[in-house]
Amino acid sequence: MLKKTVSGLSAGLLITIGGSVFLACDNRYVGAVMFSVALLCICLKGYALFTGKVGFIPEKHGKEELSVLLLGLLGNAVGTVLGGALIRAGLSGLGEAAEKLCAAKLLQLPGQTFVRALFCGILMYMAVSVYRDRKDVIGILFCIPVFILSGFEHSIADIFYFAASGIVSLKAFGFLWMVILGNSVGGMLLPALGMIGGKSDG
């Protein structure tokens, strides 16, 4: 259990770095591309990132896979909350940028947040599945900037942004759970459709 949680924590710290460079860049296009360093490092090292693993649950959903997923999510949250607090303390300018970003996120309706998170989940699944199947990082290098520039919501990155912003409220908590739900549904959507399609062909 400790190993799985620590793997998730490591992924959370890397998302902290990706989110930090995005906040630091004046040019959002450059920031979106630079954020990719987080998922590149996570995939190359094999760390447990919730949004990178949830899409594979339709294929393998035993106790071991669910344990890795949930403990990874716990580790992701711990890593990003810790990382966000450190960024806010050490780089106040990034904390202010995160506060502005999160204030805008809280203006979204729950349905809007879910849709944004769903499409992010689809892109995260594609990025990781292409890396797994082909050992090619091209999916990461394109899918990450696309989800950021499209305004889609990534649950682990959002936990970091809120931690760095210093915003703590029931509304923020509800927003984050809606993003987790949307990422989960989006991540599992294409694999589930593929299973249905496979059965139909038979």
N, C-alpha and C. Protein backbone atom coordinates (compact mmCIF):
# COMPACT_ATOMS: atom_id res chain seq x y z
N MET A 1 0.82 -1.21 0.00
CA MET A 1 0.00 0.00 0.00
C MET A 1 0.85 1.26 0.00
N LEU A 2 1.92 1.23 0.81
CA LEU A 2 2.79 2.41 0.89
C LEU A 2 3.45 2.68 -0.45
N LYS A 3 3.89 1.62 -1.13
CA LYS A 3 4.56 1.77 -2.42
C LYS A 3 3.63 2.41 -3.45
N LYS A 4 2.37 1.97 -3.46
CA LYS A 4 1.39 2.51 -4.41
C LYS A 4 1.10 3.98 -4.12
N THR A 5 0.98 4.30 -2.83
CA THR A 5 0.70 5.68 -2.45
C THR A 5 1.87 6.60 -2.78
N VAL A 6 3.08 6.11 -2.51
CA VAL A 6 4.28 6.91 -2.80
C VAL A 6 4.43 7.14 -4.30
N SER A 7 4.07 6.12 -5.10
CA SER A 7 4.11 6.27 -6.55
C SER A 7 3.14 7.37 -6.99
N GLY A 8 1.96 7.40 -6.37
CA GLY A 8 0.99 8.45 -6.66
C GLY A 8 1.47 9.81 -6.20
N LEU A 9 2.12 9.85 -5.03
CA LEU A 9 2.66 11.10 -4.51
C LEU A 9 3.72 11.66 -5.47
N SER A 10 4.56 10.77 -5.99
CA SER A 10 5.60 11.20 -6.93
C SER A 10 4.98 11.81 -8.18
N ALA A 11 3.91 11.17 -8.67
CA ALA A 11 3.21 11.71 -9.84
C ALA A 11 2.61 13.08 -9.51
N GLY A 12 2.07 13.21 -8.29
CA GLY A 12 1.50 14.48 -7.88
C GLY A 12 2.52 15.60 -7.84
N LEU A 13 3.73 15.29 -7.39
CA LEU A 13 4.79 16.30 -7.36
C LEU A 13 5.19 16.72 -8.78
N LEU A 14 5.17 15.77 -9.70
CA LEU A 14 5.49 16.11 -11.09
C LEU A 14 4.39 16.96 -11.73
N ILE A 15 3.14 16.67 -11.38
CA ILE A 15 2.04 17.52 -11.85
C ILE A 15 2.19 18.93 -11.27
N THR A 16 2.67 19.01 -10.04
CA THR A 16 2.96 20.32 -9.44
C THR A 16 3.94 21.11 -10.29
N ILE A 17 4.97 20.44 -10.78
CA ILE A 17 5.96 21.11 -11.62
C ILE A 17 5.34 21.52 -12.95
N GLY A 18 4.56 20.63 -13.55
CA GLY A 18 3.89 20.97 -14.81
C GLY A 18 2.94 22.14 -14.64
N GLY A 19 2.16 22.13 -13.56
CA GLY A 19 1.24 23.22 -13.31
C GLY A 19 1.96 24.53 -13.02
N SER A 20 3.09 24.43 -12.35
CA SER A 20 3.87 25.63 -12.02
C SER A 20 4.43 26.30 -13.27
N VAL A 21 4.95 25.51 -14.18
CA VAL A 21 5.51 26.11 -15.39
C VAL A 21 4.39 26.72 -16.24
N PHE A 22 3.20 26.10 -16.21
CA PHE A 22 2.07 26.68 -16.94
C PHE A 22 1.70 28.04 -16.35
N LEU A 23 1.65 28.12 -15.02
CA LEU A 23 1.31 29.39 -14.36
C LEU A 23 2.38 30.44 -14.60
N ALA A 24 3.64 29.99 -14.74
CA ALA A 24 4.75 30.93 -14.88
C ALA A 24 4.88 31.52 -16.28
N CYS A 25 4.30 30.84 -17.27
CA CYS A 25 4.46 31.28 -18.66
C CYS A 25 3.44 32.37 -19.02
N ASP A 26 3.94 33.48 -19.54
CA ASP A 26 3.05 34.54 -20.01
C ASP A 26 2.28 34.10 -21.25
N ASN A 27 2.93 33.28 -22.06
CA ASN A 27 2.30 32.77 -23.28
C ASN A 27 1.66 31.42 -22.97
N ARG A 28 0.32 31.35 -23.03
CA ARG A 28 -0.39 30.12 -22.66
C ARG A 28 -0.08 28.95 -23.58
N TYR A 29 0.30 29.24 -24.83
CA TYR A 29 0.64 28.17 -25.76
C TYR A 29 1.96 27.51 -25.35
N VAL A 30 2.91 28.33 -24.99
CA VAL A 30 4.18 27.80 -24.49
C VAL A 30 3.96 27.03 -23.18
N GLY A 31 3.14 27.61 -22.29
CA GLY A 31 2.85 26.95 -21.02
C GLY A 31 2.18 25.61 -21.20
N ALA A 32 1.26 25.53 -22.17
CA ALA A 32 0.56 24.27 -22.43
C ALA A 32 1.52 23.18 -22.90
N VAL A 33 2.45 23.56 -23.76
CA VAL A 33 3.44 22.59 -24.25
C VAL A 33 4.38 22.17 -23.12
N MET A 34 4.83 23.14 -22.32
CA MET A 34 5.77 22.84 -21.25
C MET A 34 5.16 21.96 -20.16
N PHE A 35 3.84 22.06 -19.98
CA PHE A 35 3.17 21.22 -18.99
C PHE A 35 3.39 19.73 -19.29
N SER A 36 3.63 19.42 -20.56
CA SER A 36 3.80 18.03 -20.98
C SER A 36 4.95 17.33 -20.26
N VAL A 37 5.91 18.11 -19.72
CA VAL A 37 7.04 17.51 -19.01
C VAL A 37 6.55 16.63 -17.87
N ALA A 38 5.41 17.00 -17.26
CA ALA A 38 4.90 16.23 -16.14
C ALA A 38 4.51 14.81 -16.56
N LEU A 39 3.65 14.69 -17.59
CA LEU A 39 3.21 13.35 -18.00
C LEU A 39 4.34 12.57 -18.67
N LEU A 40 5.23 13.26 -19.35
CA LEU A 40 6.39 12.57 -19.92
C LEU A 40 7.19 11.85 -18.83
N CYS A 41 7.51 12.58 -17.77
CA CYS A 41 8.28 12.00 -16.68
C CYS A 41 7.50 10.90 -15.96
N ILE A 42 6.19 11.12 -15.77
CA ILE A 42 5.35 10.13 -15.08
C ILE A 42 5.32 8.82 -15.86
N CYS A 43 5.11 8.90 -17.18
CA CYS A 43 5.05 7.69 -18.00
C CYS A 43 6.41 6.99 -18.08
N LEU A 44 7.47 7.76 -18.26
CA LEU A 44 8.80 7.17 -18.38
C LEU A 44 9.25 6.49 -17.09
N LYS A 45 8.81 7.02 -15.96
CA LYS A 45 9.17 6.43 -14.67
C LYS A 45 8.15 5.42 -14.16
N GLY A 46 6.98 5.39 -14.77
CA GLY A 46 5.95 4.43 -14.37
C GLY A 46 5.22 4.80 -13.09
N TYR A 47 5.14 6.10 -12.78
CA TYR A 47 4.43 6.53 -11.58
C TYR A 47 2.91 6.43 -11.78
N ALA A 48 2.19 6.38 -10.65
CA ALA A 48 0.74 6.17 -10.69
C ALA A 48 0.01 7.51 -10.74
N LEU A 49 -0.52 7.85 -11.89
CA LEU A 49 -1.34 9.05 -12.05
C LEU A 49 -2.78 8.61 -12.30
N PHE A 50 -3.70 9.08 -11.47
CA PHE A 50 -5.10 8.65 -11.54
C PHE A 50 -5.67 8.79 -12.95
N THR A 51 -5.47 9.96 -13.57
CA THR A 51 -6.06 10.21 -14.88
C THR A 51 -5.41 9.38 -15.98
N GLY A 52 -4.23 8.85 -15.70
CA GLY A 52 -3.56 8.00 -16.68
C GLY A 52 -3.93 6.53 -16.52
N LYS A 53 -4.52 6.17 -15.37
CA LYS A 53 -4.85 4.77 -15.10
C LYS A 53 -6.33 4.44 -15.13
N VAL A 54 -7.19 5.43 -14.85
CA VAL A 54 -8.62 5.14 -14.73
C VAL A 54 -9.21 4.61 -16.03
N GLY A 55 -8.68 5.01 -17.18
CA GLY A 55 -9.21 4.55 -18.45
C GLY A 55 -9.02 3.07 -18.72
N PHE A 56 -8.13 2.43 -17.97
CA PHE A 56 -7.87 1.01 -18.21
C PHE A 56 -8.70 0.10 -17.30
N ILE A 57 -9.54 0.70 -16.44
CA ILE A 57 -10.38 -0.08 -15.54
C ILE A 57 -11.39 -0.97 -16.28
N PRO A 58 -12.00 -0.52 -17.41
CA PRO A 58 -12.90 -1.43 -18.12
C PRO A 58 -12.22 -2.73 -18.58
N GLU A 59 -10.92 -2.65 -18.87
CA GLU A 59 -10.20 -3.84 -19.34
C GLU A 59 -9.77 -4.72 -18.17
N LYS A 60 -9.28 -4.09 -17.11
CA LYS A 60 -8.83 -4.83 -15.92
C LYS A 60 -9.39 -4.12 -14.69
N HIS A 61 -10.32 -4.77 -14.00
CA HIS A 61 -10.96 -4.12 -12.87
C HIS A 61 -10.99 -5.03 -11.63
N GLY A 62 -9.89 -5.74 -11.43
CA GLY A 62 -9.76 -6.56 -10.23
C GLY A 62 -9.39 -5.72 -9.03
N LYS A 63 -9.29 -6.37 -7.88
CA LYS A 63 -8.96 -5.66 -6.64
C LYS A 63 -7.61 -4.96 -6.73
N GLU A 64 -6.65 -5.60 -7.37
CA GLU A 64 -5.32 -5.02 -7.47
C GLU A 64 -5.34 -3.72 -8.27
N GLU A 65 -6.04 -3.74 -9.41
CA GLU A 65 -6.11 -2.54 -10.26
C GLU A 65 -6.86 -1.40 -9.55
N LEU A 66 -7.95 -1.74 -8.86
CA LEU A 66 -8.70 -0.72 -8.14
C LEU A 66 -7.90 -0.16 -6.97
N SER A 67 -7.13 -1.04 -6.33
CA SER A 67 -6.27 -0.60 -5.23
C SER A 67 -5.21 0.39 -5.72
N VAL A 68 -4.56 0.04 -6.83
CA VAL A 68 -3.55 0.93 -7.41
C VAL A 68 -4.18 2.27 -7.78
N LEU A 69 -5.38 2.22 -8.36
CA LEU A 69 -6.06 3.45 -8.81
C LEU A 69 -6.38 4.37 -7.63
N LEU A 70 -7.00 3.80 -6.58
CA LEU A 70 -7.45 4.62 -5.45
C LEU A 70 -6.28 5.10 -4.59
N LEU A 71 -5.31 4.23 -4.36
CA LEU A 71 -4.14 4.65 -3.58
C LEU A 71 -3.31 5.66 -4.38
N GLY A 72 -3.31 5.48 -5.70
CA GLY A 72 -2.63 6.45 -6.56
C GLY A 72 -3.30 7.81 -6.48
N LEU A 73 -4.65 7.82 -6.47
CA LEU A 73 -5.39 9.07 -6.35
C LEU A 73 -5.09 9.75 -5.02
N LEU A 74 -5.03 8.96 -3.95
CA LEU A 74 -4.68 9.51 -2.64
C LEU A 74 -3.28 10.13 -2.68
N GLY A 75 -2.33 9.40 -3.26
CA GLY A 75 -0.97 9.93 -3.37
C GLY A 75 -0.90 11.16 -4.24
N ASN A 76 -1.66 11.15 -5.36
CA ASN A 76 -1.72 12.33 -6.24
C ASN A 76 -2.18 13.56 -5.47
N ALA A 77 -3.24 13.38 -4.66
CA ALA A 77 -3.79 14.49 -3.89
C ALA A 77 -2.80 15.01 -2.86
N VAL A 78 -2.16 14.08 -2.15
CA VAL A 78 -1.16 14.49 -1.15
C VAL A 78 -0.01 15.23 -1.82
N GLY A 79 0.48 14.70 -2.94
CA GLY A 79 1.60 15.32 -3.64
C GLY A 79 1.28 16.71 -4.16
N THR A 80 0.08 16.87 -4.73
CA THR A 80 -0.27 18.18 -5.29
C THR A 80 -0.64 19.19 -4.21
N VAL A 81 -1.26 18.74 -3.13
CA VAL A 81 -1.58 19.67 -2.03
C VAL A 81 -0.29 20.14 -1.37
N LEU A 82 0.61 19.21 -1.11
CA LEU A 82 1.90 19.58 -0.53
C LEU A 82 2.68 20.49 -1.49
N GLY A 83 2.72 20.09 -2.76
CA GLY A 83 3.44 20.88 -3.75
C GLY A 83 2.83 22.27 -3.92
N GLY A 84 1.50 22.33 -3.93
CA GLY A 84 0.82 23.61 -4.07
C GLY A 84 1.11 24.54 -2.91
N ALA A 85 1.12 23.99 -1.70
CA ALA A 85 1.41 24.80 -0.51
C ALA A 85 2.83 25.34 -0.57
N LEU A 86 3.77 24.51 -1.02
CA LEU A 86 5.17 24.94 -1.11
C LEU A 86 5.33 26.02 -2.19
N ILE A 87 4.65 25.82 -3.32
CA ILE A 87 4.73 26.83 -4.40
C ILE A 87 4.15 28.15 -3.93
N ARG A 88 3.03 28.11 -3.23
CA ARG A 88 2.41 29.34 -2.74
C ARG A 88 3.33 30.07 -1.76
N ALA A 89 4.03 29.28 -0.93
CA ALA A 89 4.93 29.87 0.07
C ALA A 89 6.22 30.40 -0.57
N GLY A 90 6.72 29.67 -1.56
CA GLY A 90 8.01 30.04 -2.14
C GLY A 90 7.96 30.92 -3.36
N LEU A 91 6.85 30.87 -4.10
CA LEU A 91 6.71 31.68 -5.31
C LEU A 91 5.34 32.35 -5.28
N SER A 92 5.26 33.44 -4.56
CA SER A 92 3.97 34.10 -4.32
C SER A 92 3.28 34.52 -5.62
N GLY A 93 4.07 34.86 -6.65
CA GLY A 93 3.48 35.25 -7.93
C GLY A 93 2.69 34.13 -8.56
N LEU A 94 3.18 32.89 -8.42
CA LEU A 94 2.46 31.74 -8.97
C LEU A 94 1.20 31.48 -8.15
N GLY A 95 1.28 31.72 -6.84
CA GLY A 95 0.11 31.57 -6.00
C GLY A 95 -1.00 32.53 -6.41
N GLU A 96 -0.62 33.76 -6.74
CA GLU A 96 -1.60 34.76 -7.18
C GLU A 96 -2.20 34.37 -8.53
N ALA A 97 -1.36 33.84 -9.42
CA ALA A 97 -1.87 33.40 -10.73
C ALA A 97 -2.83 32.23 -10.56
N ALA A 98 -2.51 31.32 -9.63
CA ALA A 98 -3.39 30.18 -9.35
C ALA A 98 -4.72 30.64 -8.77
N GLU A 99 -4.67 31.66 -7.91
CA GLU A 99 -5.89 32.19 -7.29
C GLU A 99 -6.82 32.76 -8.36
N LYS A 100 -6.27 33.48 -9.30
CA LYS A 100 -7.07 34.05 -10.40
C LYS A 100 -7.66 32.95 -11.26
N LEU A 101 -6.85 31.94 -11.56
CA LEU A 101 -7.30 30.82 -12.39
C LEU A 101 -8.44 30.07 -11.71
N CYS A 102 -8.29 29.79 -10.42
CA CYS A 102 -9.28 29.00 -9.69
C CYS A 102 -10.58 29.78 -9.47
N ALA A 103 -10.47 31.08 -9.28
CA ALA A 103 -11.67 31.91 -9.14
C ALA A 103 -12.53 31.81 -10.39
N ALA A 104 -11.90 31.77 -11.56
CA ALA A 104 -12.63 31.63 -12.82
C ALA A 104 -13.26 30.25 -12.93
N LYS A 105 -12.55 29.22 -12.46
CA LYS A 105 -13.07 27.85 -12.53
C LYS A 105 -14.34 27.72 -11.69
N LEU A 106 -14.40 28.40 -10.57
CA LEU A 106 -15.55 28.28 -9.68
C LEU A 106 -16.80 28.97 -10.23
N LEU A 107 -16.66 29.71 -11.32
CA LEU A 107 -17.81 30.33 -11.96
C LEU A 107 -18.54 29.36 -12.89
N GLN A 108 -17.91 28.24 -13.19
CA GLN A 108 -18.53 27.24 -14.07
C GLN A 108 -19.72 26.57 -13.37
N LEU A 109 -20.72 26.20 -14.17
CA LEU A 109 -21.80 25.36 -13.67
C LEU A 109 -21.30 23.92 -13.57
N PRO A 110 -21.85 23.10 -12.67
CA PRO A 110 -21.38 21.72 -12.53
C PRO A 110 -21.40 20.94 -13.85
N GLY A 111 -22.45 21.13 -14.65
CA GLY A 111 -22.52 20.43 -15.93
C GLY A 111 -21.40 20.84 -16.87
N GLN A 112 -21.05 22.11 -16.87
CA GLN A 112 -19.94 22.59 -17.70
C GLN A 112 -18.62 21.98 -17.25
N THR A 113 -18.44 21.91 -15.94
CA THR A 113 -17.22 21.31 -15.39
C THR A 113 -17.12 19.84 -15.78
N PHE A 114 -18.25 19.13 -15.69
CA PHE A 114 -18.25 17.70 -16.04
C PHE A 114 -17.85 17.49 -17.50
N VAL A 115 -18.42 18.28 -18.40
CA VAL A 115 -18.11 18.13 -19.82
C VAL A 115 -16.63 18.41 -20.08
N ARG A 116 -16.10 19.47 -19.47
CA ARG A 116 -14.69 19.80 -19.65
C ARG A 116 -13.79 18.68 -19.12
N ALA A 117 -14.20 18.09 -18.02
CA ALA A 117 -13.41 17.01 -17.42
C ALA A 117 -13.51 15.73 -18.25
N LEU A 118 -14.70 15.48 -18.80
CA LEU A 118 -14.91 14.29 -19.62
C LEU A 118 -13.95 14.28 -20.81
N PHE A 119 -13.87 15.39 -21.51
CA PHE A 119 -13.00 15.43 -22.70
C PHE A 119 -11.52 15.38 -22.32
N CYS A 120 -11.18 15.93 -21.17
CA CYS A 120 -9.80 15.78 -20.70
C CYS A 120 -9.50 14.31 -20.44
N GLY A 121 -10.46 13.59 -19.84
CA GLY A 121 -10.28 12.17 -19.57
C GLY A 121 -10.02 11.37 -20.84
N ILE A 122 -10.74 11.71 -21.90
CA ILE A 122 -10.54 11.04 -23.19
C ILE A 122 -9.11 11.26 -23.68
N LEU A 123 -8.66 12.51 -23.63
CA LEU A 123 -7.31 12.82 -24.11
C LEU A 123 -6.22 12.19 -23.26
N MET A 124 -6.45 12.13 -21.95
CA MET A 124 -5.46 11.50 -21.07
C MET A 124 -5.35 10.01 -21.37
N TYR A 125 -6.50 9.37 -21.59
CA TYR A 125 -6.47 7.95 -21.95
C TYR A 125 -5.69 7.75 -23.25
N MET A 126 -5.95 8.58 -24.24
CA MET A 126 -5.26 8.44 -25.52
C MET A 126 -3.75 8.65 -25.37
N ALA A 127 -3.37 9.65 -24.61
CA ALA A 127 -1.95 9.94 -24.42
C ALA A 127 -1.22 8.75 -23.81
N VAL A 128 -1.81 8.19 -22.76
CA VAL A 128 -1.16 7.08 -22.05
C VAL A 128 -1.24 5.78 -22.84
N SER A 129 -2.38 5.52 -23.50
CA SER A 129 -2.52 4.27 -24.24
C SER A 129 -1.58 4.22 -25.45
N VAL A 130 -1.39 5.37 -26.11
CA VAL A 130 -0.45 5.41 -27.23
C VAL A 130 0.97 5.15 -26.73
N TYR A 131 1.30 5.70 -25.58
CA TYR A 131 2.63 5.46 -25.00
C TYR A 131 2.79 3.98 -24.64
N ARG A 132 1.76 3.40 -24.03
CA ARG A 132 1.84 1.99 -23.62
C ARG A 132 1.94 1.05 -24.83
N ASP A 133 1.11 1.32 -25.82
CA ASP A 133 1.03 0.41 -26.97
C ASP A 133 2.21 0.54 -27.92
N ARG A 134 2.66 1.78 -28.12
CA ARG A 134 3.68 2.03 -29.15
C ARG A 134 5.02 2.51 -28.60
N LYS A 135 5.08 2.73 -27.28
CA LYS A 135 6.29 3.29 -26.67
C LYS A 135 6.69 4.59 -27.37
N ASP A 136 5.66 5.39 -27.66
CA ASP A 136 5.85 6.63 -28.39
C ASP A 136 5.24 7.77 -27.57
N VAL A 137 5.98 8.86 -27.42
CA VAL A 137 5.51 9.98 -26.59
C VAL A 137 4.70 11.00 -27.38
N ILE A 138 4.45 10.73 -28.66
CA ILE A 138 3.76 11.73 -29.49
C ILE A 138 2.36 12.04 -28.95
N GLY A 139 1.69 11.02 -28.40
CA GLY A 139 0.36 11.25 -27.84
C GLY A 139 0.41 12.22 -26.67
N ILE A 140 1.44 12.10 -25.85
CA ILE A 140 1.62 13.01 -24.71
C ILE A 140 1.87 14.42 -25.20
N LEU A 141 2.76 14.55 -26.17
CA LEU A 141 3.17 15.87 -26.65
C LEU A 141 2.05 16.64 -27.33
N PHE A 142 1.05 15.91 -27.86
CA PHE A 142 -0.09 16.58 -28.49
C PHE A 142 -1.31 16.66 -27.58
N CYS A 143 -1.62 15.57 -26.88
CA CYS A 143 -2.86 15.53 -26.09
C CYS A 143 -2.83 16.50 -24.91
N ILE A 144 -1.67 16.66 -24.28
CA ILE A 144 -1.60 17.55 -23.11
C ILE A 144 -1.85 19.01 -23.51
N PRO A 145 -1.12 19.56 -24.50
CA PRO A 145 -1.43 20.93 -24.90
C PRO A 145 -2.86 21.10 -25.39
N VAL A 146 -3.40 20.09 -26.08
CA VAL A 146 -4.77 20.20 -26.59
C VAL A 146 -5.78 20.32 -25.45
N PHE A 147 -5.63 19.52 -24.40
CA PHE A 147 -6.61 19.61 -23.32
C PHE A 147 -6.50 20.94 -22.57
N ILE A 148 -5.28 21.44 -22.44
CA ILE A 148 -5.10 22.71 -21.74
C ILE A 148 -5.66 23.88 -22.56
N LEU A 149 -5.30 23.93 -23.84
CA LEU A 149 -5.74 25.03 -24.69
C LEU A 149 -7.24 24.99 -24.97
N SER A 150 -7.83 23.81 -24.85
CA SER A 150 -9.28 23.68 -25.06
C SER A 150 -10.07 24.10 -23.83
N GLY A 151 -9.40 24.27 -22.71
CA GLY A 151 -10.09 24.63 -21.48
C GLY A 151 -10.68 23.44 -20.75
N PHE A 152 -10.18 22.23 -21.06
CA PHE A 152 -10.66 21.03 -20.37
C PHE A 152 -10.05 20.96 -18.97
N GLU A 153 -10.70 20.19 -18.08
CA GLU A 153 -10.30 20.15 -16.68
C GLU A 153 -9.62 18.84 -16.31
N HIS A 154 -8.44 18.95 -15.70
CA HIS A 154 -7.67 17.80 -15.24
C HIS A 154 -7.68 17.80 -13.71
N SER A 155 -8.23 16.74 -13.12
CA SER A 155 -8.48 16.73 -11.68
C SER A 155 -7.21 16.92 -10.84
N ILE A 156 -6.14 16.24 -11.18
CA ILE A 156 -4.93 16.32 -10.35
C ILE A 156 -4.27 17.69 -10.50
N ALA A 157 -4.24 18.20 -11.72
CA ALA A 157 -3.72 19.56 -11.92
C ALA A 157 -4.58 20.57 -11.17
N ASP A 158 -5.90 20.37 -11.18
CA ASP A 158 -6.79 21.30 -10.48
C ASP A 158 -6.57 21.27 -8.97
N ILE A 159 -6.30 20.09 -8.42
CA ILE A 159 -6.00 20.01 -6.99
C ILE A 159 -4.77 20.85 -6.69
N PHE A 160 -3.76 20.77 -7.56
CA PHE A 160 -2.57 21.61 -7.37
C PHE A 160 -2.91 23.09 -7.44
N TYR A 161 -3.68 23.48 -8.46
CA TYR A 161 -4.01 24.89 -8.63
C TYR A 161 -4.74 25.44 -7.40
N PHE A 162 -5.69 24.66 -6.87
CA PHE A 162 -6.42 25.13 -5.70
C PHE A 162 -5.53 25.17 -4.46
N ALA A 163 -4.64 24.21 -4.33
CA ALA A 163 -3.71 24.23 -3.19
C ALA A 163 -2.80 25.45 -3.28
N ALA A 164 -2.32 25.75 -4.49
CA ALA A 164 -1.44 26.90 -4.68
C ALA A 164 -2.20 28.22 -4.52
N SER A 165 -3.50 28.20 -4.80
CA SER A 165 -4.30 29.42 -4.72
C SER A 165 -4.64 29.80 -3.28
N GLY A 166 -4.68 28.79 -2.41
CA GLY A 166 -5.09 29.04 -1.04
C GLY A 166 -6.59 29.07 -0.85
N ILE A 167 -7.35 28.79 -1.91
CA ILE A 167 -8.82 28.77 -1.84
C ILE A 167 -9.28 27.44 -1.25
N VAL A 168 -9.95 27.50 -0.12
CA VAL A 168 -10.49 26.30 0.52
C VAL A 168 -11.96 26.57 0.82
N SER A 169 -12.85 25.83 0.18
CA SER A 169 -14.29 26.02 0.38
C SER A 169 -15.03 24.77 -0.05
N LEU A 170 -16.29 24.67 0.38
CA LEU A 170 -17.12 23.55 -0.04
C LEU A 170 -17.33 23.57 -1.55
N LYS A 171 -17.44 24.76 -2.12
CA LYS A 171 -17.63 24.88 -3.57
C LYS A 171 -16.42 24.36 -4.32
N ALA A 172 -15.22 24.68 -3.82
CA ALA A 172 -13.99 24.18 -4.44
C ALA A 172 -13.92 22.66 -4.32
N PHE A 173 -14.30 22.14 -3.16
CA PHE A 173 -14.29 20.69 -2.93
C PHE A 173 -15.24 19.99 -3.90
N GLY A 174 -16.46 20.56 -4.05
CA GLY A 174 -17.43 19.98 -4.98
C GLY A 174 -16.95 20.06 -6.42
N PHE A 175 -16.30 21.17 -6.77
CA PHE A 175 -15.75 21.33 -8.12
C PHE A 175 -14.74 20.21 -8.41
N LEU A 176 -13.85 19.95 -7.46
CA LEU A 176 -12.80 18.95 -7.68
C LEU A 176 -13.38 17.55 -7.84
N TRP A 177 -14.41 17.23 -7.05
CA TRP A 177 -15.02 15.90 -7.19
C TRP A 177 -15.76 15.77 -8.52
N MET A 178 -16.33 16.86 -9.01
CA MET A 178 -16.97 16.81 -10.33
C MET A 178 -15.94 16.58 -11.42
N VAL A 179 -14.76 17.17 -11.27
CA VAL A 179 -13.69 16.95 -12.26
C VAL A 179 -13.20 15.52 -12.20
N ILE A 180 -13.06 14.97 -11.00
CA ILE A 180 -12.64 13.57 -10.86
C ILE A 180 -13.65 12.65 -11.54
N LEU A 181 -14.94 12.93 -11.33
CA LEU A 181 -16.00 12.13 -11.95
C LEU A 181 -15.92 12.23 -13.47
N GLY A 182 -15.80 13.45 -13.99
CA GLY A 182 -15.73 13.65 -15.43
C GLY A 182 -14.51 12.99 -16.05
N ASN A 183 -13.36 13.13 -15.41
CA ASN A 183 -12.14 12.47 -15.89
C ASN A 183 -12.31 10.96 -15.93
N SER A 184 -12.99 10.41 -14.91
CA SER A 184 -13.19 8.96 -14.83
C SER A 184 -14.07 8.47 -15.96
N VAL A 185 -15.19 9.16 -16.17
CA VAL A 185 -16.11 8.76 -17.25
C VAL A 185 -15.44 8.93 -18.61
N GLY A 186 -14.77 10.05 -18.80
CA GLY A 186 -14.09 10.28 -20.08
C GLY A 186 -12.97 9.29 -20.33
N GLY A 187 -12.20 8.99 -19.30
CA GLY A 187 -11.10 8.04 -19.46
C GLY A 187 -11.56 6.65 -19.83
N MET A 188 -12.72 6.25 -19.29
CA MET A 188 -13.22 4.89 -19.55
C MET A 188 -14.10 4.80 -20.79
N LEU A 189 -14.45 5.95 -21.37
CA LEU A 189 -15.43 5.97 -22.46
C LEU A 189 -14.96 5.21 -23.70
N LEU A 190 -13.79 5.56 -24.23
CA LEU A 190 -13.32 4.90 -25.45
C LEU A 190 -13.04 3.40 -25.24
N PRO A 191 -12.40 3.00 -24.13
CA PRO A 191 -12.20 1.56 -23.91
C PRO A 191 -13.53 0.81 -23.81
N ALA A 192 -14.53 1.41 -23.14
CA ALA A 192 -15.84 0.76 -23.00
C ALA A 192 -16.51 0.63 -24.37
N LEU A 193 -16.43 1.70 -25.17
CA LEU A 193 -17.02 1.63 -26.51
C LEU A 193 -16.30 0.59 -27.37
N GLY A 194 -14.99 0.50 -27.18
CA GLY A 194 -14.22 -0.51 -27.93
C GLY A 194 -14.62 -1.92 -27.57
N MET A 195 -14.93 -2.15 -26.28
CA MET A 195 -15.38 -3.48 -25.85
C MET A 195 -16.74 -3.80 -26.43
N ILE A 196 -17.62 -2.79 -26.46
CA ILE A 196 -18.96 -3.00 -27.03
C ILE A 196 -18.84 -3.29 -28.53
N GLY A 197 -17.98 -2.50 -29.20
CA GLY A 197 -17.78 -2.71 -30.63
C GLY A 197 -17.20 -4.06 -30.94
N GLY A 198 -16.28 -4.50 -30.07
CA GLY A 198 -15.66 -5.81 -30.26
C GLY A 198 -16.67 -6.94 -30.15
N LYS A 199 -17.59 -6.78 -29.16
CA LYS A 199 -18.61 -7.80 -28.99
C LYS A 199 -19.59 -7.81 -30.16
N SER A 200 -19.90 -6.62 -30.68
CA SER A 200 -20.84 -6.54 -31.81
C SER A 200 -20.27 -7.21 -33.04
N ASP A 201 -18.94 -7.04 -33.25
CA ASP A 201 -18.33 -7.63 -34.41
C ASP A 201 -18.39 -9.15 -34.36
N GLY A 202 -18.41 -9.68 -33.13
CA GLY A 202 -18.47 -11.12 -32.98
C GLY A 202 -19.86 -11.62 -33.26
